[in-house]
PDB file of N, CA and C in Angstrom:
ATOM      1  N   GLN A   1      12.712  13.747  17.781  1.00  0.00           N
ATOM      2  CA  GLN A   1      12.074  14.233  16.574  1.00  0.00           C
ATOM      3  C   GLN A   1      11.375  13.072  15.871  1.00  0.00           C
ATOM      4  N   VAL A   2      10.366  13.423  15.111  1.00  0.00           N
ATOM      5  CA  VAL A   2       9.599  12.409  14.387  1.00  0.00           C
ATOM      6  C   VAL A   2      10.455  11.825  13.268  1.00  0.00           C
ATOM      7  N   GLN A   3      10.506  10.511  13.229  1.00  0.00           N
ATOM      8  CA  GLN A   3      11.202   9.827  12.147  1.00  0.00           C
ATOM      9  C   GLN A   3      10.337   8.695  11.621  1.00  0.00           C
ATOM     10  N   LEU A   4      10.318   8.564  10.307  1.00  0.00           N
ATOM     11  CA  LEU A   4       9.609   7.481   9.627  1.00  0.00           C
ATOM     12  C   LEU A   4      10.591   6.835   8.660  1.00  0.00           C
ATOM     13  N   VAL A   5      10.780   5.533   8.799  1.00  0.00           N
ATOM     14  CA  VAL A   5      11.768   4.838   7.973  1.00  0.00           C
ATOM     15  C   VAL A   5      11.093   3.663   7.267  1.00  0.00           C
ATOM     16  N   GLU A   6      11.023   3.771   5.938  1.00  0.00           N
ATOM     17  CA  GLU A   6      10.418   2.708   5.133  1.00  0.00           C
ATOM     18  C   GLU A   6      11.447   1.640   4.768  1.00  0.00           C
ATOM     19  N   SER A   7      10.966   0.449   4.543  1.00  0.00           N
ATOM     20  CA  SER A   7      11.801  -0.646   4.065  1.00  0.00           C
ATOM     21  C   SER A   7      10.917  -1.643   3.339  1.00  0.00           C
ATOM     22  N   GLY A   8      11.557  -2.558   2.609  1.00  0.00           N
ATOM     23  CA  GLY A   8      10.825  -3.628   1.967  1.00  0.00           C
ATOM     24  C   GLY A   8      10.635  -3.473   0.471  1.00  0.00           C
ATOM     25  N   GLY A   9      11.062  -2.361  -0.084  1.00  0.00           N
ATOM     26  CA  GLY A   9      10.929  -2.183  -1.522  1.00  0.00           C
ATOM     27  C   GLY A   9      11.888  -3.081  -2.280  1.00  0.00           C
ATOM     28  N   GLY A  10      11.725  -3.117  -3.596  1.00  0.00           N
ATOM     29  CA  GLY A  10      12.602  -3.929  -4.418  1.00  0.00           C
ATOM     30  C   GLY A  10      12.044  -4.146  -5.800  1.00  0.00           C
ATOM     31  N   LEU A  11      12.639  -5.095  -6.497  1.00  0.00           N
ATOM     32  CA  LEU A  11      12.236  -5.449  -7.861  1.00  0.00           C
ATOM     33  C   LEU A  11      11.430  -6.736  -7.811  1.00  0.00           C
ATOM     34  N   VAL A  12      10.269  -6.728  -8.448  1.00  0.00           N
ATOM     35  CA  VAL A  12       9.407  -7.904  -8.459  1.00  0.00           C
ATOM     36  C   VAL A  12       8.745  -8.017  -9.820  1.00  0.00           C
ATOM     37  N   GLN A  13       8.435  -9.232 -10.219  1.00  0.00           N
ATOM     38  CA  GLN A  13       7.745  -9.444 -11.490  1.00  0.00           C
ATOM     39  C   GLN A  13       6.258  -9.148 -11.342  1.00  0.00           C
ATOM     40  N   ALA A  14       5.653  -8.790 -12.432  1.00  0.00           N
ATOM     41  CA  ALA A  14       4.206  -8.564 -12.438  1.00  0.00           C
ATOM     42  C   ALA A  14       3.488  -9.794 -11.898  1.00  0.00           C
ATOM     43  N   GLY A  15       2.511  -9.546 -11.061  1.00  0.00           N
ATOM     44  CA  GLY A  15       1.782 -10.624 -10.419  1.00  0.00           C
ATOM     45  C   GLY A  15       2.338 -11.012  -9.066  1.00  0.00           C
ATOM     46  N   GLY A  16       3.502 -10.517  -8.747  1.00  0.00           N
ATOM     47  CA  GLY A  16       4.153 -10.840  -7.484  1.00  0.00           C
ATOM     48  C   GLY A  16       3.669  -9.985  -6.328  1.00  0.00           C
ATOM     49  N   SER A  17       4.324 -10.175  -5.187  1.00  0.00           N
ATOM     50  CA  SER A  17       3.936  -9.495  -3.955  1.00  0.00           C
ATOM     51  C   SER A  17       5.153  -8.902  -3.262  1.00  0.00           C
ATOM     52  N   LEU A  18       4.894  -7.860  -2.504  1.00  0.00           N
ATOM     53  CA  LEU A  18       5.890  -7.244  -1.638  1.00  0.00           C
ATOM     54  C   LEU A  18       5.178  -6.732  -0.399  1.00  0.00           C
ATOM     55  N   ARG A  19       5.910  -6.676   0.706  1.00  0.00           N
ATOM     56  CA  ARG A  19       5.379  -6.037   1.909  1.00  0.00           C
ATOM     57  C   ARG A  19       6.310  -4.916   2.322  1.00  0.00           C
ATOM     58  N   LEU A  20       5.762  -3.716   2.352  1.00  0.00           N
ATOM     59  CA  LEU A  20       6.503  -2.558   2.820  1.00  0.00           C
ATOM     60  C   LEU A  20       6.259  -2.363   4.307  1.00  0.00           C
ATOM     61  N   SER A  21       7.284  -1.876   4.999  1.00  0.00           N
ATOM     62  CA  SER A  21       7.169  -1.541   6.420  1.00  0.00           C
ATOM     63  C   SER A  21       7.585  -0.102   6.628  1.00  0.00           C
ATOM     64  N   CYS A  22       7.021   0.511   7.632  1.00  0.00           N
ATOM     65  CA  CYS A  22       7.386   1.883   8.003  1.00  0.00           C
ATOM     66  C   CYS A  22       7.486   1.922   9.519  1.00  0.00           C
ATOM     67  N   LYS A  23       8.691   2.094  10.005  1.00  0.00           N
ATOM     68  CA  LYS A  23       8.950   2.136  11.443  1.00  0.00           C
ATOM     69  C   LYS A  23       8.955   3.588  11.891  1.00  0.00           C
ATOM     70  N   ALA A  24       8.136   3.902  12.876  1.00  0.00           N
ATOM     71  CA  ALA A  24       8.013   5.269  13.377  1.00  0.00           C
ATOM     72  C   ALA A  24       8.702   5.424  14.719  1.00  0.00           C
ATOM     73  N   SER A  25       9.197   6.624  14.980  1.00  0.00           N
ATOM     74  CA  SER A  25       9.796   6.934  16.267  1.00  0.00           C
ATOM     75  C   SER A  25       9.677   8.430  16.538  1.00  0.00           C
ATOM     76  N   GLY A  26       9.835   8.792  17.799  1.00  0.00           N
ATOM     77  CA  GLY A  26       9.842  10.203  18.156  1.00  0.00           C
ATOM     78  C   GLY A  26       8.487  10.777  18.522  1.00  0.00           C
ATOM     79  N   TYR A  27       7.451   9.943  18.540  1.00  0.00           N
ATOM     80  CA  TYR A  27       6.121  10.408  18.933  1.00  0.00           C
ATOM     81  C   TYR A  27       5.308   9.197  19.342  1.00  0.00           C
ATOM     82  N   THR A  28       4.109   9.445  19.863  1.00  0.00           N
ATOM     83  CA  THR A  28       3.213   8.363  20.275  1.00  0.00           C
ATOM     84  C   THR A  28       2.501   7.821  19.044  1.00  0.00           C
ATOM     85  N   PHE A  29       3.029   6.724  18.529  1.00  0.00           N
ATOM     86  CA  PHE A  29       2.572   6.167  17.247  1.00  0.00           C
ATOM     87  C   PHE A  29       1.075   5.901  17.246  1.00  0.00           C
ATOM     88  N   SER A  30       0.562   5.371  18.339  1.00  0.00           N
ATOM     89  CA  SER A  30      -0.844   4.958  18.383  1.00  0.00           C
ATOM     90  C   SER A  30      -1.814   6.131  18.426  1.00  0.00           C
ATOM     91  N   SER A  31      -1.320   7.343  18.471  1.00  0.00           N
ATOM     92  CA  SER A  31      -2.181   8.520  18.527  1.00  0.00           C
ATOM     93  C   SER A  31      -2.489   9.120  17.160  1.00  0.00           C
ATOM     94  N   TYR A  32      -1.959   8.532  16.101  1.00  0.00           N
ATOM     95  CA  TYR A  32      -2.102   9.127  14.781  1.00  0.00           C
ATOM     96  C   TYR A  32      -2.464   8.109  13.716  1.00  0.00           C
ATOM     97  N   ALA A  33      -3.306   8.570  12.802  1.00  0.00           N
ATOM     98  CA  ALA A  33      -3.519   7.804  11.579  1.00  0.00           C
ATOM     99  C   ALA A  33      -2.238   7.838  10.742  1.00  0.00           C
ATOM    100  N   MET A  34      -2.132   6.876   9.834  1.00  0.00           N
ATOM    101  CA  MET A  34      -0.957   6.794   8.966  1.00  0.00           C
ATOM    102  C   MET A  34      -1.409   6.598   7.518  1.00  0.00           C
ATOM    103  N   GLY A  35      -0.547   7.013   6.616  1.00  0.00           N
ATOM    104  CA  GLY A  35      -0.874   6.863   5.212  1.00  0.00           C
ATOM    105  C   GLY A  35       0.319   6.396   4.397  1.00  0.00           C
ATOM    106  N   TRP A  36       0.014   5.769   3.281  1.00  0.00           N
ATOM    107  CA  TRP A  36       1.014   5.422   2.271  1.00  0.00           C
ATOM    108  C   TRP A  36       0.686   6.201   1.002  1.00  0.00           C
ATOM    109  N   PHE A  37       1.716   6.766   0.402  1.00  0.00           N
ATOM    110  CA  PHE A  37       1.613   7.474  -0.865  1.00  0.00           C
ATOM    111  C   PHE A  37       2.662   6.908  -1.806  1.00  0.00           C
ATOM    112  N   ARG A  38       2.542   7.245  -3.075  1.00  0.00           N
ATOM    113  CA  ARG A  38       3.565   6.841  -4.031  1.00  0.00           C
ATOM    114  C   ARG A  38       3.735   7.904  -5.099  1.00  0.00           C
ATOM    115  N   GLN A  39       4.918   7.913  -5.681  1.00  0.00           N
ATOM    116  CA  GLN A  39       5.201   8.859  -6.761  1.00  0.00           C
ATOM    117  C   GLN A  39       5.992   8.147  -7.842  1.00  0.00           C
ATOM    118  N   ALA A  40       5.380   8.081  -9.013  1.00  0.00           N
ATOM    119  CA  ALA A  40       6.029   7.498 -10.176  1.00  0.00           C
ATOM    120  C   ALA A  40       6.782   8.589 -10.924  1.00  0.00           C
ATOM    121  N   PRO A  41       7.777   8.203 -11.722  1.00  0.00           N
ATOM    122  CA  PRO A  41       8.545   9.206 -12.467  1.00  0.00           C
ATOM    123  C   PRO A  41       7.649  10.071 -13.343  1.00  0.00           C
ATOM    124  N   GLY A  42       7.816  11.373 -13.229  1.00  0.00           N
ATOM    125  CA  GLY A  42       7.057  12.295 -14.050  1.00  0.00           C
ATOM    126  C   GLY A  42       5.627  12.520 -13.609  1.00  0.00           C
ATOM    127  N   LYS A  43       5.259  11.928 -12.469  1.00  0.00           N
ATOM    128  CA  LYS A  43       3.876  12.063 -11.992  1.00  0.00           C
ATOM    129  C   LYS A  43       3.856  12.680 -10.607  1.00  0.00           C
ATOM    130  N   GLU A  44       2.694  13.186 -10.231  1.00  0.00           N
ATOM    131  CA  GLU A  44       2.534  13.737  -8.900  1.00  0.00           C
ATOM    132  C   GLU A  44       2.404  12.613  -7.874  1.00  0.00           C
ATOM    133  N   ARG A  45       2.728  12.945  -6.645  1.00  0.00           N
ATOM    134  CA  ARG A  45       2.558  11.969  -5.580  1.00  0.00           C
ATOM    135  C   ARG A  45       1.063  11.724  -5.362  1.00  0.00           C
ATOM    136  N   GLU A  46       0.705  10.449  -5.149  1.00  0.00           N
ATOM    137  CA  GLU A  46      -0.704  10.103  -5.006  1.00  0.00           C
ATOM    138  C   GLU A  46      -0.928   9.231  -3.776  1.00  0.00           C
ATOM    139  N   PHE A  47      -2.115   9.360  -3.222  1.00  0.00           N
ATOM    140  CA  PHE A  47      -2.534   8.565  -2.070  1.00  0.00           C
ATOM    141  C   PHE A  47      -2.706   7.117  -2.487  1.00  0.00           C
ATOM    142  N   VAL A  48      -2.242   6.212  -1.627  1.00  0.00           N
ATOM    143  CA  VAL A  48      -2.393   4.784  -1.879  1.00  0.00           C
ATOM    144  C   VAL A  48      -3.347   4.159  -0.860  1.00  0.00           C
ATOM    145  N   ALA A  49      -3.052   4.372   0.425  1.00  0.00           N
ATOM    146  CA  ALA A  49      -3.865   3.760   1.478  1.00  0.00           C
ATOM    147  C   ALA A  49      -3.651   4.496   2.787  1.00  0.00           C
ATOM    148  N   GLY A  50      -4.648   4.407   3.663  1.00  0.00           N
ATOM    149  CA  GLY A  50      -4.533   5.022   4.974  1.00  0.00           C
ATOM    150  C   GLY A  50      -5.203   4.167   6.026  1.00  0.00           C
ATOM    151  N   ILE A  51      -4.816   4.372   7.275  1.00  0.00           N
ATOM    152  CA  ILE A  51      -5.340   3.577   8.373  1.00  0.00           C
ATOM    153  C   ILE A  51      -5.458   4.461   9.602  1.00  0.00           C
ATOM    154  N   ASN A  52      -6.535   4.257  10.359  1.00  0.00           N
ATOM    155  CA  ASN A  52      -6.695   5.077  11.553  1.00  0.00           C
ATOM    156  C   ASN A  52      -5.826   4.556  12.689  1.00  0.00           C
ATOM    157  N   TRP A  53      -5.915   5.200  13.828  1.00  0.00           N
ATOM    158  CA  TRP A  53      -4.977   4.913  14.921  1.00  0.00           C
ATOM    159  C   TRP A  53      -5.056   3.472  15.402  1.00  0.00           C
ATOM    160  N   SER A  54      -6.235   2.901  15.394  1.00  0.00           N
ATOM    161  CA  SER A  54      -6.411   1.562  15.956  1.00  0.00           C
ATOM    162  C   SER A  54      -6.365   0.455  14.915  1.00  0.00           C
ATOM    163  N   GLY A  55      -6.392   0.843  13.654  1.00  0.00           N
ATOM    164  CA  GLY A  55      -6.418  -0.164  12.604  1.00  0.00           C
ATOM    165  C   GLY A  55      -7.796  -0.651  12.244  1.00  0.00           C
ATOM    166  N   THR A  56      -8.819  -0.048  12.831  1.00  0.00           N
ATOM    167  CA  THR A  56     -10.194  -0.498  12.584  1.00  0.00           C
ATOM    168  C   THR A  56     -10.824   0.158  11.371  1.00  0.00           C
ATOM    169  N   ASN A  57     -10.184   1.166  10.835  1.00  0.00           N
ATOM    170  CA  ASN A  57     -10.715   1.865   9.666  1.00  0.00           C
ATOM    171  C   ASN A  57      -9.594   2.080   8.654  1.00  0.00           C
ATOM    172  N   THR A  58      -9.855   1.720   7.419  1.00  0.00           N
ATOM    173  CA  THR A  58      -8.872   1.876   6.352  1.00  0.00           C
ATOM    174  C   THR A  58      -9.514   2.508   5.132  1.00  0.00           C
ATOM    175  N   ASN A  59      -8.687   3.030   4.268  1.00  0.00           N
ATOM    176  CA  ASN A  59      -9.149   3.626   3.019  1.00  0.00           C
ATOM    177  C   ASN A  59      -8.109   3.363   1.946  1.00  0.00           C
ATOM    178  N   TYR A  60      -8.564   3.149   0.719  1.00  0.00           N
ATOM    179  CA  TYR A  60      -7.657   2.810  -0.371  1.00  0.00           C
ATOM    180  C   TYR A  60      -7.986   3.621  -1.611  1.00  0.00           C
ATOM    181  N   ALA A  61      -6.959   3.868  -2.406  1.00  0.00           N
ATOM    182  CA  ALA A  61      -7.186   4.402  -3.742  1.00  0.00           C
ATOM    183  C   ALA A  61      -7.855   3.325  -4.578  1.00  0.00           C
ATOM    184  N   ASP A  62      -8.682   3.753  -5.512  1.00  0.00           N
ATOM    185  CA  ASP A  62      -9.383   2.786  -6.355  1.00  0.00           C
ATOM    186  C   ASP A  62      -8.411   1.889  -7.113  1.00  0.00           C
ATOM    187  N   SER A  63      -7.271   2.432  -7.458  1.00  0.00           N
ATOM    188  CA  SER A  63      -6.314   1.685  -8.279  1.00  0.00           C
ATOM    189  C   SER A  63      -5.667   0.512  -7.537  1.00  0.00           C
ATOM    190  N   VAL A  64      -5.742   0.511  -6.208  1.00  0.00           N
ATOM    191  CA  VAL A  64      -5.096  -0.567  -5.441  1.00  0.00           C
ATOM    192  C   VAL A  64      -6.087  -1.371  -4.604  1.00  0.00           C
ATOM    193  N   ARG A  65      -7.300  -0.897  -4.510  1.00  0.00           N
ATOM    194  CA  ARG A  65      -8.274  -1.593  -3.661  1.00  0.00           C
ATOM    195  C   ARG A  65      -8.452  -3.036  -4.122  1.00  0.00           C
ATOM    196  N   GLY A  66      -8.401  -3.951  -3.170  1.00  0.00           N
ATOM    197  CA  GLY A  66      -8.516  -5.372  -3.472  1.00  0.00           C
ATOM    198  C   GLY A  66      -7.179  -6.040  -3.733  1.00  0.00           C
ATOM    199  N   ARG A  67      -6.125  -5.256  -3.936  1.00  0.00           N
ATOM    200  CA  ARG A  67      -4.788  -5.816  -4.178  1.00  0.00           C
ATOM    201  C   ARG A  67      -3.818  -5.481  -3.040  1.00  0.00           C
ATOM    202  N   PHE A  68      -4.000  -4.313  -2.435  1.00  0.00           N
ATOM    203  CA  PHE A  68      -3.120  -3.862  -1.360  1.00  0.00           C
ATOM    204  C   PHE A  68      -3.887  -3.889  -0.036  1.00  0.00           C
ATOM    205  N   THR A  69      -3.141  -4.141   1.034  1.00  0.00           N
ATOM    206  CA  THR A  69      -3.719  -4.122   2.380  1.00  0.00           C
ATOM    207  C   THR A  69      -2.809  -3.351   3.319  1.00  0.00           C
ATOM    208  N   ILE A  70      -3.369  -2.353   3.970  1.00  0.00           N
ATOM    209  CA  ILE A  70      -2.628  -1.593   4.966  1.00  0.00           C
ATOM    210  C   ILE A  70      -2.967  -2.141   6.348  1.00  0.00           C
ATOM    211  N   SER A  71      -1.968  -2.197   7.209  1.00  0.00           N
ATOM    212  CA  SER A  71      -2.187  -2.642   8.583  1.00  0.00           C
ATOM    213  C   SER A  71      -1.161  -1.965   9.473  1.00  0.00           C
ATOM    214  N   ARG A  72      -1.343  -2.107  10.764  1.00  0.00           N
ATOM    215  CA  ARG A  72      -0.392  -1.503  11.702  1.00  0.00           C
ATOM    216  C   ARG A  72      -0.262  -2.364  12.942  1.00  0.00           C
ATOM    217  N   ASP A  73       0.898  -2.250  13.575  1.00  0.00           N
ATOM    218  CA  ASP A  73       1.160  -2.904  14.843  1.00  0.00           C
ATOM    219  C   ASP A  73       1.633  -1.820  15.794  1.00  0.00           C
ATOM    220  N   ASN A  74       0.743  -1.363  16.650  1.00  0.00           N
ATOM    221  CA  ASN A  74       1.081  -0.256  17.536  1.00  0.00           C
ATOM    222  C   ASN A  74       2.130  -0.633  18.574  1.00  0.00           C
ATOM    223  N   ALA A  75       2.225  -1.909  18.889  1.00  0.00           N
ATOM    224  CA  ALA A  75       3.258  -2.349  19.829  1.00  0.00           C
ATOM    225  C   ALA A  75       4.654  -2.246  19.220  1.00  0.00           C
ATOM    226  N   LYS A  76       4.707  -2.305  17.898  1.00  0.00           N
ATOM    227  CA  LYS A  76       5.995  -2.234  17.196  1.00  0.00           C
ATOM    228  C   LYS A  76       6.206  -0.888  16.504  1.00  0.00           C
ATOM    229  N   ASN A  77       5.260   0.028  16.683  1.00  0.00           N
ATOM    230  CA  ASN A  77       5.359   1.356  16.052  1.00  0.00           C
ATOM    231  C   ASN A  77       5.587   1.250  14.548  1.00  0.00           C
ATOM    232  N   THR A  78       4.863   0.333  13.926  1.00  0.00           N
ATOM    233  CA  THR A  78       5.091   0.044  12.516  1.00  0.00           C
ATOM    234  C   THR A  78       3.778  -0.054  11.756  1.00  0.00           C
ATOM    235  N   VAL A  79       3.773   0.511  10.562  1.00  0.00           N
ATOM    236  CA  VAL A  79       2.661   0.373   9.635  1.00  0.00           C
ATOM    237  C   VAL A  79       3.164  -0.392   8.411  1.00  0.00           C
ATOM    238  N   TYR A  80       2.295  -1.227   7.872  1.00  0.00           N
ATOM    239  CA  TYR A  80       2.664  -2.098   6.760  1.00  0.00           C
ATOM    240  C   TYR A  80       1.786  -1.821   5.543  1.00  0.00           C
ATOM    241  N   LEU A  81       2.339  -2.163   4.386  1.00  0.00           N
ATOM    242  CA  LEU A  81       1.548  -2.162   3.159  1.00  0.00           C
ATOM    243  C   LEU A  81       1.854  -3.468   2.440  1.00  0.00           C
ATOM    244  N   GLN A  82       0.898  -4.381   2.491  1.00  0.00           N
ATOM    245  CA  GLN A  82       1.025  -5.643   1.772  1.00  0.00           C
ATOM    246  C   GLN A  82       0.505  -5.435   0.359  1.00  0.00           C
ATOM    247  N   MET A  83       1.357  -5.658  -0.629  1.00  0.00           N
ATOM    248  CA  MET A  83       1.010  -5.425  -2.017  1.00  0.00           C
ATOM    249  C   MET A  83       1.019  -6.756  -2.762  1.00  0.00           C
ATOM    250  N   SER A  84      -0.092  -7.076  -3.394  1.00  0.00           N
ATOM    251  CA  SER A  84      -0.224  -8.316  -4.147  1.00  0.00           C
ATOM    252  C   SER A  84      -0.688  -8.002  -5.560  1.00  0.00           C
ATOM    253  N   SER A  85      -0.568  -8.995  -6.422  1.00  0.00           N
ATOM    254  CA  SER A  85      -0.971  -8.838  -7.826  1.00  0.00           C
ATOM    255  C   SER A  85      -0.388  -7.556  -8.409  1.00  0.00           C
ATOM    256  N   LEU A  86       0.877  -7.368  -8.176  1.00  0.00           N
ATOM    257  CA  LEU A  86       1.524  -6.126  -8.598  1.00  0.00           C
ATOM    258  C   LEU A  86       1.556  -5.995 -10.111  1.00  0.00           C
ATOM    259  N   ARG A  87       1.457  -4.761 -10.556  1.00  0.00           N
ATOM    260  CA  ARG A  87       1.432  -4.422 -11.981  1.00  0.00           C
ATOM    261  C   ARG A  87       2.577  -3.459 -12.285  1.00  0.00           C
ATOM    262  N   PRO A  88       2.998  -3.399 -13.526  1.00  0.00           N
ATOM    263  CA  PRO A  88       4.061  -2.444 -13.861  1.00  0.00           C
ATOM    264  C   PRO A  88       3.695  -1.008 -13.488  1.00  0.00           C
ATOM    265  N   GLU A  89       2.427  -0.682 -13.554  1.00  0.00           N
ATOM    266  CA  GLU A  89       2.012   0.694 -13.220  1.00  0.00           C
ATOM    267  C   GLU A  89       2.068   0.973 -11.723  1.00  0.00           C
ATOM    268  N   ASP A  90       2.370  -0.026 -10.911  1.00  0.00           N
ATOM    269  CA  ASP A  90       2.586   0.207  -9.487  1.00  0.00           C
ATOM    270  C   ASP A  90       4.010   0.661  -9.198  1.00  0.00           C
ATOM    271  N   THR A  91       4.857   0.658 -10.219  1.00  0.00           N
ATOM    272  CA  THR A  91       6.235   1.105 -10.052  1.00  0.00           C
ATOM    273  C   THR A  91       6.274   2.555  -9.598  1.00  0.00           C
ATOM    274  N   ALA A  92       6.960   2.796  -8.479  1.00  0.00           N
ATOM    275  CA  ALA A  92       7.008   4.130  -7.903  1.00  0.00           C
ATOM    276  C   ALA A  92       7.894   4.103  -6.663  1.00  0.00           C
ATOM    277  N   VAL A  93       8.176   5.287  -6.154  1.00  0.00           N
ATOM    278  CA  VAL A  93       8.736   5.410  -4.814  1.00  0.00           C
ATOM    279  C   VAL A  93       7.555   5.501  -3.857  1.00  0.00           C
ATOM    280  N   TYR A  94       7.578   4.657  -2.849  1.00  0.00           N
ATOM    281  CA  TYR A  94       6.487   4.600  -1.872  1.00  0.00           C
ATOM    282  C   TYR A  94       6.929   5.281  -0.581  1.00  0.00           C
ATOM    283  N   TYR A  95       6.040   6.144  -0.070  1.00  0.00           N
ATOM    284  CA  TYR A  95       6.317   6.906   1.140  1.00  0.00           C
ATOM    285  C   TYR A  95       5.253   6.622   2.192  1.00  0.00           C
ATOM    286  N   CYS A  96       5.685   6.540   3.438  1.00  0.00           N
ATOM    287  CA  CYS A  96       4.702   6.552   4.515  1.00  0.00           C
ATOM    288  C   CYS A  96       4.691   7.958   5.125  1.00  0.00           C
ATOM    289  N   ALA A  97       3.567   8.287   5.732  1.00  0.00           N
ATOM    290  CA  ALA A  97       3.402   9.617   6.288  1.00  0.00           C
ATOM    291  C   ALA A  97       2.496   9.567   7.508  1.00  0.00           C
ATOM    292  N   ARG A  98       2.715  10.479   8.441  1.00  0.00           N
ATOM    293  CA  ARG A  98       1.896  10.564   9.644  1.00  0.00           C
ATOM    294  C   ARG A  98       0.725  11.495   9.421  1.00  0.00           C
ATOM    295  N   GLY A  99      -0.464  11.012   9.757  1.00  0.00           N
ATOM    296  CA  GLY A  99      -1.648  11.837   9.631  1.00  0.00           C
ATOM    297  C   GLY A  99      -1.712  12.923  10.681  1.00  0.00           C
ATOM    298  N   SER A 100      -2.733  13.754  10.574  1.00  0.00           N
ATOM    299  CA  SER A 100      -2.868  14.897  11.475  1.00  0.00           C
ATOM    300  C   SER A 100      -3.720  14.596  12.690  1.00  0.00           C
ATOM    301  N   GLY A 101      -4.353  13.436  12.729  1.00  0.00           N
ATOM    302  CA  GLY A 101      -5.200  13.100  13.861  1.00  0.00           C
ATOM    303  C   GLY A 101      -5.284  11.613  14.039  1.00  0.00           C
ATOM    304  N   THR A 102      -6.225  11.200  14.887  1.00  0.00           N
ATOM    305  CA  THR A 102      -6.323   9.780  15.218  1.00  0.00           C
ATOM    306  C   THR A 102      -7.155   8.986  14.216  1.00  0.00           C
ATOM    307  N   ASP A 103      -8.323   9.512  13.868  1.00  0.00           N
ATOM    308  CA  ASP A 103      -9.260   8.727  13.074  1.00  0.00           C
ATOM    309  C   ASP A 103      -9.354   9.160  11.617  1.00  0.00           C
ATOM    310  N   TYR A 104      -9.086  10.427  11.354  1.00  0.00           N
ATOM    311  CA  TYR A 104      -9.317  10.928   9.996  1.00  0.00           C
ATOM    312  C   TYR A 104      -8.234  10.428   9.053  1.00  0.00           C
ATOM    313  N   ILE A 105      -8.646   9.775   7.976  1.00  0.00           N
ATOM    314  CA  ILE A 105      -7.717   9.258   6.979  1.00  0.00           C
ATOM    315  C   ILE A 105      -7.814  10.155   5.762  1.00  0.00           C
ATOM    316  N   ALA A 106      -6.871  11.066   5.657  1.00  0.00           N
ATOM    317  CA  ALA A 106      -6.880  12.016   4.549  1.00  0.00           C
ATOM    318  C   ALA A 106      -6.218  11.419   3.325  1.00  0.00           C
ATOM    319  N   ASN A 107      -6.731  11.749   2.151  1.00  0.00           N
ATOM    320  CA  ASN A 107      -6.051  11.359   0.921  1.00  0.00           C
ATOM    321  C   ASN A 107      -5.325  12.543   0.293  1.00  0.00           C
ATOM    322  N   ASN A 108      -5.299  13.634   1.011  1.00  0.00           N
ATOM    323  CA  ASN A 108      -4.608  14.851   0.564  1.00  0.00           C
ATOM    324  C   ASN A 108      -3.236  14.900   1.226  1.00  0.00           C
ATOM    325  N   GLU A 109      -2.202  14.890   0.427  1.00  0.00           N
ATOM    326  CA  GLU A 109      -0.840  14.833   0.973  1.00  0.00           C
ATOM    327  C   GLU A 109      -0.530  16.049   1.835  1.00  0.00           C
ATOM    328  N   HIS A 110      -1.203  17.152   1.609  1.00  0.00           N
ATOM    329  CA  HIS A 110      -0.911  18.375   2.362  1.00  0.00           C
ATOM    330  C   HIS A 110      -1.377  18.286   3.813  1.00  0.00           C
ATOM    331  N   LEU A 111      -2.148  17.256   4.133  1.00  0.00           N
ATOM    332  CA  LEU A 111      -2.609  17.057   5.506  1.00  0.00           C
ATOM    333  C   LEU A 111      -1.696  16.119   6.282  1.00  0.00           C
ATOM    334  N   TYR A 112      -0.583  15.759   5.689  1.00  0.00           N
ATOM    335  CA  TYR A 112       0.411  14.912   6.347  1.00  0.00           C
ATOM    336  C   TYR A 112       1.676  15.738   6.566  1.00  0.00           C
ATOM    337  N   ALA A 113       2.097  15.856   7.814  1.00  0.00           N
ATOM    338  CA  ALA A 113       3.204  16.758   8.130  1.00  0.00           C
ATOM    339  C   ALA A 113       4.561  16.071   8.117  1.00  0.00           C
ATOM    340  N   TYR A 114       4.577  14.768   8.349  1.00  0.00           N
ATOM    341  CA  TYR A 114       5.845  14.063   8.453  1.00  0.00           C
ATOM    342  C   TYR A 114       5.877  12.908   7.460  1.00  0.00           C
ATOM    343  N   TRP A 115       7.061  12.761   6.816  1.00  0.00           N
ATOM    344  CA  TRP A 115       7.212  11.790   5.734  1.00  0.00           C
ATOM    345  C   TRP A 115       8.495  10.989   5.915  1.00  0.00           C
ATOM    346  N   GLY A 116       8.468   9.761   5.436  1.00  0.00           N
ATOM    347  CA  GLY A 116       9.682   8.987   5.355  1.00  0.00           C
ATOM    348  C   GLY A 116      10.474   9.354   4.117  1.00  0.00           C
ATOM    349  N   GLN A 117      11.598   8.678   3.947  1.00  0.00           N
ATOM    350  CA  GLN A 117      12.486   8.993   2.822  1.00  0.00           C
ATOM    351  C   GLN A 117      12.070   8.272   1.545  1.00  0.00           C
ATOM    352  N   GLY A 118      11.207   7.294   1.679  1.00  0.00           N
ATOM    353  CA  GLY A 118      10.719   6.567   0.519  1.00  0.00           C
ATOM    354  C   GLY A 118      11.489   5.283   0.252  1.00  0.00           C
ATOM    355  N   THR A 119      10.800   4.341  -0.375  1.00  0.00           N
ATOM    356  CA  THR A 119      11.423   3.083  -0.790  1.00  0.00           C
ATOM    357  C   THR A 119      10.949   2.760  -2.200  1.00  0.00           C
ATOM    358  N   GLN A 120      11.877   2.363  -3.054  1.00  0.00           N
ATOM    359  CA  GLN A 120      11.571   2.126  -4.468  1.00  0.00           C
ATOM    360  C   GLN A 120      10.931   0.759  -4.660  1.00  0.00           C
ATOM    361  N   VAL A 121       9.840   0.751  -5.388  1.00  0.00           N
ATOM    362  CA  VAL A 121       9.198  -0.491  -5.828  1.00  0.00           C
ATOM    363  C   VAL A 121       9.194  -0.491  -7.345  1.00  0.00           C
ATOM    364  N   THR A 122       9.765  -1.530  -7.930  1.00  0.00           N
ATOM    365  CA  THR A 122       9.808  -1.661  -9.378  1.00  0.00           C
ATOM    366  C   THR A 122       9.176  -2.986  -9.769  1.00  0.00           C
ATOM    367  N   VAL A 123       8.169  -2.914 -10.630  1.00  0.00           N
ATOM    368  CA  VAL A 123       7.459  -4.098 -11.089  1.00  0.00           C
ATOM    369  C   VAL A 123       7.762  -4.287 -12.571  1.00  0.00           C
ATOM    370  N   SER A 124       8.380  -5.411 -12.887  1.00  0.00           N
ATOM    371  CA  SER A 124       8.734  -5.687 -14.277  1.00  0.00           C
ATOM    372  C   SER A 124       7.633  -6.482 -14.963  1.00  0.00           C
ATOM    373  N   SER A 125       7.492  -6.239 -16.244  1.00  0.00           N
ATOM    374  CA  SER A 125       6.423  -6.926 -17.001  1.00  0.00           C
ATOM    375  C   SER A 125       6.902  -8.245 -17.583  1.00  0.00           C
TER     376      SER A 125
END
């Protein structure tokens, strides 16, 4: 069965950095685009970043572009989210999700069928 397991969350001061990882299993990882989403308390889940199957195409939410970098290692079945210049408003539970195809990077959560359990990121001011 498809499993996605996030790690790397934690508490960091504003301006700091964190790298999230998402280890996938149960399917051919290199055949699917991947996405990162986040959900802050009292808010809807929102798209953060996405990457196509090969890592040659990425997409970011405006709020993180230039600060976050998504990447993947198909040999390790892992997708990463490098987060820099973190702000208190980045505080949220971060989820990775499997896309519906190889190249299309959707920012609509309803187009992602499989999700990890999430990892908490807290940025203190």
